[in-house]
Each structure stands twice: as C-alpha cells, then as structure tokens.
Amino acid sequence: MSDTPDSAVRTYIDTHRAAFLDDLADWLRIPSVSGRPEHADDVRRSAEWLAGKLKETGFPTADVWETPGAPAVFAEWPSGDPAAPTVLVYGHHDVQPAALADGWHTEPFEPVVRDGRMYARGAADDKGQVFFHTLGVRAHLAATGRSAPAVNLKLLIEGEEESGSTHFRDLVERERDRLAADVVIVSDTGMWSGTTPTVCTGMRGIADCEIDLHGPDQDIHSGAFGGAVPNPATVAARLVAALHDADERVTIPGFYDNIAELTDAERELIAELPFDEAEWLRTAKSHAAFGEAGYSTLERVWARPTAEVNGIGGGYQGPGGKTIVPASAHLKLSFRLVSGQDPYEVEAAVKEWVAARVPEGIRHRVVFGAPTRPCLTPLDHPALQSVVRAMGRAFGQKIRFTREGGSGPAADLQDVLDAPVLFLGISVPSDGWHAPNEKVELDLLLKGVETTAYLWSDLAAALPRTPSGETPGSPA
C-alpha cells in the first residue's frame, strides 16, 4: 500500500548514515537528566537542540513548549493534502542519571561506537528512537519525490518522562487542539529481540493506593488488652490474605467486569514467541513462576490485571520481642489494569472492599495516586497493519506481536486525544535502559529509520476516509 521504493529509501539512508549518527552523538552529549535539578539547564538545552534540528530537517514548525517543569518539543509538518490523515509521534528527550562510578565502561555522556553499537545514556531510551524519525521522513521525501510527508506529521517530545511525566497530561489537555490526530505513534518501546522483530500492541494501566489502619490511640500491652480490642496489624494481614482466591484471582467484586479477554488468536500469537521461562526467571531474580491459574507467564504479564502488595508494615520491628497491640498498620497496593478496566471504577471498588472488611474500632483511610489508563490496539486496526507492513519491509521477515506489562504516559494521549495508540520501537532487551552501558544497535536503529520512511505513505493509503475527506476520529 506504499508508493515508496525500497531501493531509493535504502540508498538515501546509506548516504546520510554518517551525518545522522554524528548528529545523534551531539544530542547524546547533552546530559538532559530531568530528575536532577542541577541538570535543568541541560534539559532545556536538549529541547532547544532538538527544535533546531527538526527545523533543519524541514519541519515548518518546531517549538519548545513550556511546562511548570521541564520543556517539551512540538513539531508539525502539514502534508498539503486536505484529505491526509494526521499522525502524532510521541517520545521523550530527558534521560536517567548516569555516572562513570555506576559501572559504565566509558563516560555515559560521551558517545562511543564499538562493535556496531553506540554506547551513551539515552542512546536507546529515548533519544535514538526519537531521532530516527528525522532521517526517516527525509528518506520518505527523497524516495517519493514529495515536498511534504504523505501524512500531516506532528511530534510531541516530552521532557519529564524519566521523572514521572508530572505535567504531561496537563500539557496534552492544554494543547489538545494542536495535538489532535487520527493516530498516535509511540517510539519509546522495544522489540522481542534483534532476530524476532515485534510490534507492541498495548500497555497495562495502573492504580495504586496506600491503606492506613488505626486502632488504639497508642501501642498498648498485649497481655492487658490483647484479644479484647481490634489489632490493626491483624486487620492488615487479613486484607492481604483476602486479596486473592486459591486460583490467584483478585477477589474484589467487579474487578474483572468488562475486561478485554484474550482471544484464541491472540493467545496463539503470544505462544509463537521464543519464550524461555527459565531465562526469564533468572532475569526476574525469582525461583518460580506464579500467578492466575489458566494463563501462561507472558499472558499474565501482558494481558491480565493484577493486585500486588508493594509494602506492609505495622507494630514493633526492632530486635527481640515487644508484646503490644500496635496503634497502626499500613499497606501499599498496586493494581495493573487491562483494556476495559476504568481505574476510577477500580478505585471505588477497592475502597468499598476495604470498608466492608475493617471491623468496628479500626479507623481507616485509602488514598490513591494518579492513575494511568490501559491502552490496547486491536490486531485488525488498519493503522497497526500499516506499522506491521512497514516494519516487515524494513526487516525482511514476519513481524510478531507483544504487549508491555508496565504503564506509561501513552495512555494520556489516547485518553485526551481519543486516538488509537500504536508502538514503533527498535530497542532490544540488551540495550540496558536505565542501566550502566546503555547502548543502541546501529543496524536496528537504521531499520527504524527505514520503517518510518515506508510508514507515512502506507498510513496515508490505509486509513479509511469519510466522504468529506476526513479520517474517522479527526477533529471537525
């Protein structure tokens, strides 16, 4: 469905490879660590560098957008075709902290190319995966003879992802009209491996809470009062014990209502992946797989909701004994959510469940943090099929499917913009995100470039049009 010649794309990429990598190395030298106040100027310098480079690439608009925290970058390149769909690319330009003393073999902010890899903080997460869009769009134009992309192309590159995306949703809501899109492409993810290229189709959401339980007004003697007054530590233990049934299903009423169950086809696609459970357990530093009955390990991590006890405490924790009924106890719980679950409905259900199990004489409080919604793209969505075709052309092999067990700001884009979220990433597990000696495989990075060079024409042809020339879901 693309009019982009493969040979022309590859020739263009080969010709401009060296300059592309030199530019990426310049960007990686900027220590844009959003979580450290002393690097605030560096994060701003990173945003300004990217905005300048996007203008140099050809984007007519490339602006630094202010937030109460670190700045983001917005760029826009209209297609010129009034019927063209609009695509928004998301990534981030901030990075995790890094220092030679952490175990790096070379200075983390001085990129080094060795054995076909570029080592530097941000090489994979996420500057490399943002930057491949610059060469990709130029290759798309050169190969098709166009003066503008086949789609209305927008970029939103966040500056606070590595410090919690604190102001991201407010930014998206503030700039909703400028960001309006038919499809969102997230380039902040990875593949199964370099030899098994994959497309991620969804991420779980999350809701987390703290439960405070208060009994007597102070610690009291267990001989004088034990067995005759309610013990908040015992109540905490009973809540934890009641959270799952014998099949490790969450017992909170309504928790599984409306969830998107795995289809047989989806389970077959997951089973196709070359998953080594023993190796996975070594990575997890665990000694056994465990979880909801009737599901494989990957299905549990990617496609099933969970309830986890993140912390439990109360009463005396020092050496020796101290025979008391403690005054208080505390729990920290988190719930990973899948498509169909509303985090606010889960929050209400948890509060009701706790209230029903707390006895008289125990005061309690349940406080939830800011939730993240799950996102899932159906396998038959035309935009997802465009990504699969484009990756298949670049990699020359079948593209398989994964999901992510974690959560991220992509769901805010889906929620606020009411647009499907797709994932296009080329990073592999060995790239070492957040770890010493982070790197990106240069051959895979250039496959990302090639994929995007094919993608824009494919999306322009694949997305259905209405009689008025608008794509479904586009702003009126």
Protein backbone atom coordinates (compact mmCIF):
# COMPACT_ATOMS: atom_id res chain seq x y z
CA MET A 1 0.00 0.00 0.00
CA SER A 2 3.07 2.27 -0.20
CA ASP A 3 4.48 4.23 -3.13
CA THR A 4 7.92 4.42 -1.51
CA PRO A 5 10.61 2.46 -3.44
CA ASP A 6 12.69 0.29 -1.12
CA SER A 7 15.95 0.75 -3.02
CA ALA A 8 15.63 4.53 -3.03
CA VAL A 9 14.99 4.58 0.71
CA ARG A 10 17.98 2.38 1.48
CA THR A 11 20.27 4.38 -0.78
CA TYR A 12 19.26 7.61 0.91
CA ILE A 13 19.80 6.14 4.37
CA ASP A 14 23.22 4.74 3.46
CA THR A 15 24.28 8.09 2.01
CA HIS A 16 23.25 10.04 5.10
CA ARG A 17 24.08 7.46 7.78
CA ALA A 18 27.32 9.07 8.99
CA ALA A 19 25.85 12.56 9.36
CA PHE A 20 22.80 11.13 11.13
CA LEU A 21 24.94 9.30 13.69
CA ASP A 22 27.15 12.36 14.22
CA ASP A 23 24.06 14.45 14.97
CA LEU A 24 22.70 11.83 17.34
CA ALA A 25 26.02 11.75 19.18
CA ASP A 26 25.90 15.54 19.58
CA TRP A 27 22.45 15.29 21.16
CA LEU A 28 23.51 12.45 23.46
CA ARG A 29 26.31 14.63 24.83
CA ILE A 30 23.68 16.83 26.49
CA PRO A 31 23.02 15.35 29.98
CA SER A 32 19.27 16.03 29.98
CA VAL A 33 18.56 14.36 33.34
CA SER A 34 15.10 15.62 34.26
CA GLY A 35 15.16 14.10 37.74
CA ARG A 36 18.12 16.19 38.92
CA PRO A 37 17.54 19.93 39.49
CA GLU A 38 21.17 20.69 38.69
CA HIS A 39 20.52 19.49 35.12
CA ALA A 40 17.53 21.76 34.46
CA ASP A 41 19.57 23.92 32.07
CA ASP A 42 20.74 20.79 30.25
CA VAL A 43 17.18 19.57 29.77
CA ARG A 44 16.28 22.95 28.28
CA ARG A 45 19.37 22.85 26.08
CA SER A 46 18.30 19.40 24.87
CA ALA A 47 14.85 20.69 23.94
CA GLU A 48 16.29 23.68 22.10
CA TRP A 49 18.80 21.46 20.27
CA LEU A 50 16.02 19.15 19.09
CA ALA A 51 13.74 22.00 18.00
CA GLY A 52 16.59 23.44 15.95
CA LYS A 53 17.40 20.08 14.37
CA LEU A 54 13.75 19.47 13.46
CA LYS A 55 13.62 22.83 11.70
CA GLU A 56 16.80 21.87 9.87
CA THR A 57 15.13 18.59 8.90
CA GLY A 58 12.32 20.53 7.27
CA PHE A 59 9.55 20.87 9.84
CA PRO A 60 7.99 24.31 9.29
CA THR A 61 7.00 24.41 12.97
CA ALA A 62 9.32 23.26 15.75
CA ASP A 63 8.74 24.94 19.09
CA VAL A 64 9.79 24.47 22.69
CA TRP A 65 6.66 24.16 24.83
CA GLU A 66 6.92 25.29 28.41
CA THR A 67 5.51 23.39 31.38
CA PRO A 68 5.80 24.09 35.11
CA GLY A 69 8.67 21.59 34.96
CA ALA A 70 10.89 20.62 32.04
CA PRO A 71 10.12 21.79 28.50
CA ALA A 72 8.71 19.62 25.73
CA VAL A 73 9.18 19.99 21.97
CA PHE A 74 6.34 20.20 19.45
CA ALA A 75 6.88 20.00 15.69
CA GLU A 76 4.45 19.93 12.80
CA TRP A 77 4.79 19.31 9.05
CA PRO A 78 1.47 19.53 7.16
CA SER A 79 1.03 17.24 4.20
CA GLY A 80 -0.61 19.77 1.95
CA ASP A 81 -3.26 17.17 1.09
CA PRO A 82 -6.57 18.20 2.70
CA ALA A 83 -7.60 14.53 2.91
CA ALA A 84 -4.38 13.30 4.52
CA PRO A 85 -4.63 11.69 7.97
CA THR A 86 -2.79 13.23 10.91
CA VAL A 87 -0.18 11.27 12.83
CA LEU A 88 1.32 12.33 16.17
CA VAL A 89 4.67 10.81 17.20
CA TYR A 90 5.46 10.68 20.92
CA GLY A 91 8.86 10.26 22.57
CA HIS A 92 10.96 11.93 25.25
CA HIS A 93 14.28 13.76 25.31
CA ASP A 94 15.07 13.50 29.02
CA VAL A 95 17.22 10.67 30.36
CA GLN A 96 18.05 8.79 33.53
CA PRO A 97 21.02 9.82 35.71
CA ALA A 98 24.35 8.24 34.81
CA ALA A 99 27.91 8.43 36.13
CA LEU A 100 31.13 6.57 35.42
CA ALA A 101 31.14 5.34 39.02
CA ASP A 102 27.88 3.47 38.40
CA GLY A 103 29.74 0.87 36.38
CA TRP A 104 29.98 2.49 32.96
CA HIS A 105 32.95 1.41 30.85
CA THR A 106 33.11 4.85 29.22
CA GLU A 107 31.80 8.29 30.08
CA PRO A 108 27.99 8.00 29.82
CA PHE A 109 27.55 11.34 28.06
CA GLU A 110 30.42 10.89 25.61
CA PRO A 111 29.04 8.51 22.95
CA VAL A 112 31.30 5.67 21.83
CA VAL A 113 30.71 3.44 18.80
CA ARG A 114 32.05 -0.07 19.21
CA ASP A 115 31.15 -3.37 17.52
CA GLY A 116 28.18 -1.86 15.69
CA ARG A 117 26.72 -0.28 18.82
CA MET A 118 26.55 3.26 20.14
CA TYR A 119 27.03 3.47 23.91
CA ALA A 120 25.66 6.50 25.77
CA ARG A 121 22.88 7.41 28.17
CA GLY A 122 19.77 7.94 26.07
CA ALA A 123 21.05 6.04 23.04
CA ALA A 124 18.04 3.72 23.20
CA ASP A 125 15.83 5.39 25.82
CA ASP A 126 14.77 7.52 24.13
CA LYS A 127 16.85 9.89 22.04
CA GLY A 128 17.89 7.31 19.46
CA GLN A 129 14.30 6.23 18.92
CA VAL A 130 13.10 9.82 18.64
CA PHE A 131 15.88 10.82 16.31
CA PHE A 132 15.35 8.06 13.73
CA HIS A 133 12.19 9.92 12.69
CA THR A 134 14.30 12.81 11.34
CA LEU A 135 16.20 10.71 8.81
CA GLY A 136 13.12 8.58 8.15
CA VAL A 137 10.98 11.48 6.99
CA ARG A 138 13.78 12.80 4.76
CA ALA A 139 14.19 9.35 3.19
CA HIS A 140 10.42 9.22 2.66
CA LEU A 141 10.51 12.54 0.81
CA ALA A 142 13.57 11.70 -1.25
CA ALA A 143 12.22 8.32 -2.34
CA THR A 144 8.72 9.57 -3.23
CA GLY A 145 9.66 12.96 -4.68
CA ARG A 146 7.29 14.67 -2.28
CA SER A 147 7.96 18.08 -0.77
CA ALA A 148 5.94 17.26 2.36
CA PRO A 149 5.04 14.00 4.11
CA ALA A 150 2.14 11.86 2.90
CA VAL A 151 0.50 12.45 6.30
CA ASN A 152 0.16 15.54 8.45
CA LEU A 153 3.08 14.75 10.74
CA LYS A 154 3.32 16.03 14.32
CA LEU A 155 5.87 15.28 17.03
CA LEU A 156 5.48 15.73 20.79
CA ILE A 157 8.75 15.02 22.60
CA GLU A 158 8.34 15.18 26.36
CA GLY A 159 10.96 16.43 28.82
CA GLU A 160 9.81 14.75 32.04
CA GLU A 161 9.14 11.09 31.22
CA GLU A 162 12.04 9.86 33.33
CA SER A 163 10.80 11.82 36.33
CA GLY A 164 7.18 10.71 36.26
CA SER A 165 5.61 12.81 33.46
CA THR A 166 4.35 15.09 36.22
CA HIS A 167 2.99 17.80 33.94
CA PHE A 168 2.39 15.76 30.80
CA ARG A 169 -1.36 15.25 30.96
CA ASP A 170 -1.93 18.93 31.75
CA LEU A 171 0.20 19.81 28.72
CA VAL A 172 -1.78 17.47 26.45
CA GLU A 173 -5.09 18.87 27.71
CA ARG A 174 -3.84 22.44 27.30
CA GLU A 175 -2.69 21.82 23.72
CA ARG A 176 -5.43 19.37 22.76
CA ASP A 177 -6.32 21.22 19.54
CA ARG A 178 -2.72 21.49 18.32
CA LEU A 179 -2.11 17.81 19.11
CA ALA A 180 -5.31 16.47 17.52
CA ALA A 181 -4.50 13.35 15.50
CA ASP A 182 -6.06 10.27 13.95
CA VAL A 183 -3.24 8.01 15.15
CA VAL A 184 -0.54 8.28 17.82
CA ILE A 185 2.81 6.53 17.27
CA VAL A 186 4.85 5.95 20.43
CA SER A 187 8.57 5.47 19.83
CA ASP A 188 9.58 4.66 23.38
CA THR A 189 9.42 0.89 23.42
CA GLY A 190 11.25 -2.13 22.11
CA MET A 191 11.18 -5.43 20.28
CA TRP A 192 11.39 -9.01 21.46
CA SER A 193 14.93 -9.32 20.01
CA GLY A 194 17.04 -8.33 17.04
CA THR A 195 16.18 -11.58 15.29
CA THR A 196 12.49 -11.55 16.26
CA PRO A 197 11.16 -8.09 15.37
CA THR A 198 7.86 -7.28 17.02
CA VAL A 199 5.24 -4.59 17.37
CA CYS A 200 3.81 -3.82 20.80
CA THR A 201 0.02 -3.59 20.75
CA GLY A 202 -0.75 -2.37 24.25
CA MET A 203 0.28 -1.40 27.75
CA ARG A 204 -1.41 -2.04 31.06
CA GLY A 205 -2.71 0.79 33.18
CA ILE A 206 -2.12 1.22 36.90
CA ALA A 207 -3.90 2.35 40.05
CA ASP A 208 -2.01 2.37 43.34
CA CYS A 209 -3.02 3.17 46.88
CA GLU A 210 -1.93 3.39 50.49
CA ILE A 211 -4.17 1.98 53.22
CA ASP A 212 -3.70 3.33 56.74
CA LEU A 213 -5.29 1.43 59.63
CA HIS A 214 -5.51 2.91 63.14
CA GLY A 215 -6.68 1.08 66.26
CA PRO A 216 -5.79 2.17 69.81
CA ASP A 217 -4.53 5.70 70.26
CA GLN A 218 -1.09 4.32 71.13
CA ASP A 219 0.69 0.97 71.36
CA ILE A 220 -0.84 -0.95 74.27
CA HIS A 221 0.08 -4.01 76.36
CA SER A 222 -0.96 -7.25 74.64
CA GLY A 223 -1.40 -9.05 77.97
CA ALA A 224 -3.74 -6.45 79.39
CA PHE A 225 -5.64 -5.70 76.20
CA GLY A 226 -4.77 -8.30 73.53
CA GLY A 227 -7.70 -10.37 72.34
CA ALA A 228 -10.16 -7.81 73.63
CA VAL A 229 -9.55 -4.90 71.22
CA PRO A 230 -9.07 -4.94 67.41
CA ASN A 231 -5.48 -5.15 66.21
CA PRO A 232 -4.71 -3.07 63.06
CA ALA A 233 -1.77 -5.30 62.10
CA THR A 234 -4.07 -8.33 62.15
CA VAL A 235 -6.59 -6.44 60.00
CA ALA A 236 -3.82 -5.58 57.51
CA ALA A 237 -2.81 -9.24 57.31
CA ARG A 238 -6.40 -10.32 56.76
CA LEU A 239 -6.86 -7.79 53.96
CA VAL A 240 -3.76 -9.11 52.22
CA ALA A 241 -4.85 -12.71 52.70
CA ALA A 242 -8.29 -11.95 51.27
CA LEU A 243 -6.99 -10.15 48.17
CA HIS A 244 -6.69 -13.34 46.06
CA ASP A 245 -8.51 -16.66 45.94
CA ALA A 246 -6.92 -20.09 45.59
CA ASP A 247 -6.52 -19.58 41.81
CA GLU A 248 -4.77 -16.22 42.37
CA ARG A 249 -7.73 -14.29 41.01
CA VAL A 250 -8.41 -10.91 42.60
CA THR A 251 -11.45 -11.16 44.87
CA ILE A 252 -12.57 -7.52 44.77
CA PRO A 253 -16.16 -7.54 43.41
CA GLY A 254 -16.39 -6.11 39.90
CA PHE A 255 -12.62 -6.16 39.34
CA TYR A 256 -12.87 -8.24 36.16
CA ASP A 257 -16.02 -6.61 34.80
CA ASN A 258 -15.74 -5.52 31.14
CA ILE A 259 -12.10 -6.53 30.67
CA ALA A 260 -10.91 -7.44 27.19
CA GLU A 261 -10.35 -11.19 27.38
CA LEU A 262 -7.61 -12.74 25.28
CA THR A 263 -8.90 -14.32 22.10
CA ASP A 264 -7.68 -17.71 20.94
CA ALA A 265 -5.84 -15.97 18.09
CA GLU A 266 -4.07 -13.62 20.49
CA ARG A 267 -3.02 -16.50 22.72
CA GLU A 268 -1.63 -18.32 19.69
CA LEU A 269 0.38 -15.25 18.66
CA ILE A 270 1.85 -14.95 22.16
CA ALA A 271 2.71 -18.65 22.13
CA GLU A 272 4.65 -18.18 18.86
CA LEU A 273 7.30 -16.08 20.61
CA PRO A 274 10.52 -17.88 21.55
CA PHE A 275 10.00 -17.51 25.29
CA ASP A 276 12.49 -19.19 27.63
CA GLU A 277 10.82 -19.22 31.04
CA ALA A 278 13.95 -20.38 32.85
CA GLU A 279 15.93 -17.46 31.42
CA TRP A 280 13.07 -15.09 32.24
CA LEU A 281 13.12 -16.29 35.85
CA ARG A 282 16.85 -15.63 36.04
CA THR A 283 16.22 -12.09 34.83
CA ALA A 284 13.43 -11.73 37.39
CA LYS A 285 15.74 -12.99 40.16
CA SER A 286 12.92 -15.36 41.10
CA HIS A 287 12.83 -19.09 41.67
CA ALA A 288 9.38 -19.97 40.37
CA ALA A 289 6.66 -18.71 38.02
CA PHE A 290 3.38 -17.95 39.77
CA GLY A 291 0.06 -16.29 39.09
CA GLU A 292 -3.52 -16.56 37.92
CA ALA A 293 -4.49 -20.12 37.02
CA GLY A 294 -5.11 -20.91 33.38
CA TYR A 295 -2.69 -18.37 31.89
CA SER A 296 0.91 -18.53 30.72
CA THR A 297 3.61 -16.29 32.16
CA LEU A 298 3.52 -13.87 29.22
CA GLU A 299 -0.27 -13.76 29.29
CA ARG A 300 -0.18 -12.92 32.99
CA VAL A 301 2.36 -10.11 32.49
CA TRP A 302 0.85 -8.59 29.36
CA ALA A 303 -2.87 -9.24 29.30
CA ARG A 304 -4.21 -9.96 32.79
CA PRO A 305 -4.96 -7.49 35.58
CA THR A 306 -3.15 -7.90 38.87
CA ALA A 307 -3.20 -6.83 42.50
CA GLU A 308 0.20 -6.66 44.22
CA VAL A 309 1.17 -5.97 47.80
CA ASN A 310 4.03 -3.48 47.45
CA GLY A 311 4.54 -2.99 51.16
CA ILE A 312 3.12 -3.98 54.54
CA GLY A 313 4.07 -2.75 57.99
CA GLY A 314 2.91 -2.02 61.50
CA GLY A 315 3.87 -2.56 65.09
CA TYR A 316 7.29 -3.26 66.54
CA GLN A 317 10.07 -4.07 64.03
CA GLY A 318 13.18 -3.92 66.23
CA PRO A 319 15.28 -6.74 67.70
CA GLY A 320 13.75 -9.00 70.28
CA GLY A 321 10.14 -9.08 71.32
CA LYS A 322 7.76 -6.32 72.32
CA THR A 323 4.37 -7.62 73.35
CA ILE A 324 2.00 -4.92 72.14
CA VAL A 325 -1.17 -4.32 70.22
CA PRO A 326 0.15 -1.72 67.75
CA ALA A 327 -1.61 1.56 67.24
CA SER A 328 -1.42 1.40 63.45
CA ALA A 329 -0.59 -0.64 60.37
CA HIS A 330 -0.10 0.27 56.72
CA LEU A 331 -0.40 -1.32 53.30
CA LYS A 332 0.72 -0.26 49.84
CA LEU A 333 -1.15 -1.91 46.96
CA SER A 334 -0.95 -1.53 43.21
CA PHE A 335 -3.30 -2.78 40.51
CA ARG A 336 -2.16 -3.31 36.93
CA LEU A 337 -5.14 -2.85 34.66
CA VAL A 338 -6.02 -4.12 31.20
CA SER A 339 -8.23 -2.82 28.43
CA GLY A 340 -11.82 -2.45 29.59
CA GLN A 341 -10.96 -1.52 33.16
CA ASP A 342 -11.57 2.03 34.35
CA PRO A 343 -9.06 2.99 37.07
CA TYR A 344 -11.62 5.17 38.85
CA GLU A 345 -14.09 2.30 38.99
CA VAL A 346 -11.34 0.08 40.37
CA GLU A 347 -10.54 2.74 42.97
CA ALA A 348 -14.17 2.87 44.12
CA ALA A 349 -14.37 -0.93 44.25
CA VAL A 350 -11.21 -1.18 46.36
CA LYS A 351 -12.44 1.41 48.83
CA GLU A 352 -15.76 -0.41 49.19
CA TRP A 353 -13.98 -3.76 49.58
CA VAL A 354 -11.71 -2.42 52.33
CA ALA A 355 -14.57 -0.73 54.19
CA ALA A 356 -16.53 -3.98 54.25
CA ARG A 357 -13.61 -5.82 55.90
CA VAL A 358 -12.47 -3.34 58.50
CA PRO A 359 -14.03 -4.11 61.89
CA GLU A 360 -15.52 -1.60 64.29
CA GLY A 361 -12.82 0.09 66.30
CA ILE A 362 -10.38 0.39 63.37
CA ARG A 363 -10.25 3.72 61.62
CA HIS A 364 -9.02 3.50 58.06
CA ARG A 365 -8.08 5.66 55.10
CA VAL A 366 -7.49 4.59 51.48
CA VAL A 367 -5.58 7.11 49.35
CA PHE A 368 -4.98 6.55 45.63
CA GLY A 369 -2.34 8.19 43.49
CA ALA A 370 -2.87 9.48 39.95
CA PRO A 371 -3.92 6.53 37.77
CA THR A 372 -2.84 5.56 34.27
CA ARG A 373 -5.34 4.02 31.90
CA PRO A 374 -4.55 0.88 29.89
CA CYS A 375 -4.28 1.09 26.11
CA LEU A 376 -4.73 -1.64 23.52
CA THR A 377 -4.81 -1.55 19.73
CA PRO A 378 -6.90 -4.26 18.04
CA LEU A 379 -4.83 -6.53 15.80
CA ASP A 380 -7.01 -5.73 12.79
CA HIS A 381 -6.73 -1.95 13.13
CA PRO A 382 -5.64 -0.55 9.74
CA ALA A 383 -3.01 1.71 11.29
CA LEU A 384 -1.45 -1.22 13.15
CA GLN A 385 -1.37 -3.19 9.93
CA SER A 386 0.48 -0.27 8.31
CA VAL A 387 3.14 -0.40 11.04
CA VAL A 388 3.46 -4.16 10.57
CA ARG A 389 3.83 -3.83 6.79
CA ALA A 390 6.40 -1.05 7.10
CA MET A 391 8.46 -3.00 9.64
CA GLY A 392 8.16 -6.14 7.52
CA ARG A 393 9.64 -4.33 4.51
CA ALA A 394 12.48 -2.92 6.58
CA PHE A 395 13.36 -6.17 8.38
CA GLY A 396 12.53 -8.53 5.53
CA GLN A 397 10.71 -11.00 7.78
CA LYS A 398 7.46 -11.71 9.61
CA ILE A 399 6.62 -9.23 12.36
CA ARG A 400 5.16 -10.69 15.53
CA PHE A 401 3.27 -9.07 18.38
CA THR A 402 3.96 -8.29 22.03
CA ARG A 403 2.44 -6.19 24.77
CA GLU A 404 4.02 -4.30 27.65
CA GLY A 405 3.29 -5.26 31.24
CA GLY A 406 4.15 -1.80 32.53
CA SER A 407 2.42 1.53 32.15
CA GLY A 408 3.30 4.87 30.60
CA PRO A 409 2.10 8.32 29.51
CA ALA A 410 0.92 6.98 26.14
CA ALA A 411 -2.44 6.30 27.76
CA ASP A 412 -2.87 10.04 28.44
CA LEU A 413 -2.58 10.69 24.71
CA GLN A 414 -5.19 8.03 23.98
CA ASP A 415 -7.48 9.34 26.69
CA VAL A 416 -7.28 13.06 25.94
CA LEU A 417 -6.98 12.93 22.13
CA ASP A 418 -9.36 9.98 21.65
CA ALA A 419 -6.96 8.42 19.14
CA PRO A 420 -5.56 4.89 18.90
CA VAL A 421 -2.02 4.47 20.22
CA LEU A 422 0.48 2.39 18.25
CA PHE A 423 4.01 1.47 19.26
CA LEU A 424 7.04 1.61 17.00
CA GLY A 425 10.34 0.85 18.71
CA ILE A 426 13.53 -0.95 17.71
CA SER A 427 15.27 -1.30 21.06
CA VAL A 428 16.14 -4.77 22.36
CA PRO A 429 16.36 -6.04 25.96
CA SER A 430 20.17 -6.00 25.95
CA ASP A 431 20.20 -2.23 25.34
CA GLY A 432 20.22 -1.67 29.11
CA TRP A 433 17.65 1.05 29.65
CA HIS A 434 18.33 2.88 32.95
CA ALA A 435 21.43 0.71 33.46
CA PRO A 436 25.17 1.30 33.04
CA ASN A 437 26.49 0.98 29.48
CA GLU A 438 23.17 1.72 27.76
CA LYS A 439 23.54 1.25 24.00
CA VAL A 440 21.64 1.03 20.75
CA GLU A 441 22.30 -1.46 17.95
CA LEU A 442 23.08 0.72 14.93
CA ASP A 443 21.70 -1.73 12.36
CA LEU A 444 18.40 -1.84 14.25
CA LEU A 445 18.37 1.94 14.63
CA LEU A 446 18.61 2.26 10.87
CA LYS A 447 15.83 -0.31 10.48
CA GLY A 448 13.73 2.11 12.50
CA VAL A 449 14.66 4.87 10.06
CA GLU A 450 13.68 2.64 7.14
CA THR A 451 10.39 1.65 8.76
CA THR A 452 9.28 5.25 9.15
CA ALA A 453 10.32 6.03 5.57
CA TYR A 454 7.77 3.46 4.39
CA LEU A 455 5.17 4.12 7.06
CA TRP A 456 3.83 7.53 6.13
CA SER A 457 2.76 6.57 2.60
CA ASP A 458 1.28 3.32 3.89
CA LEU A 459 -0.76 5.08 6.57
CA ALA A 460 -1.99 7.67 4.08
CA ALA A 461 -3.31 4.87 1.87
CA ALA A 462 -4.57 2.55 4.61
CA LEU A 463 -6.61 4.76 6.88
CA PRO A 464 -10.24 4.88 5.75
CA ARG A 465 -11.62 8.20 4.58
CA THR A 466 -15.09 9.65 5.03
CA PRO A 467 -16.87 11.19 2.02
CA SER A 468 -15.76 14.62 3.20
CA GLY A 469 -12.13 13.55 3.04
CA GLU A 470 -11.70 13.35 6.79
CA THR A 471 -10.43 10.27 8.55
CA PRO A 472 -12.65 8.87 11.29
CA GLY A 473 -11.88 10.49 14.60
CA SER A 474 -10.27 13.59 13.14
CA PRO A 475 -11.22 16.90 14.67
CA ALA A 476 -14.04 18.68 12.89
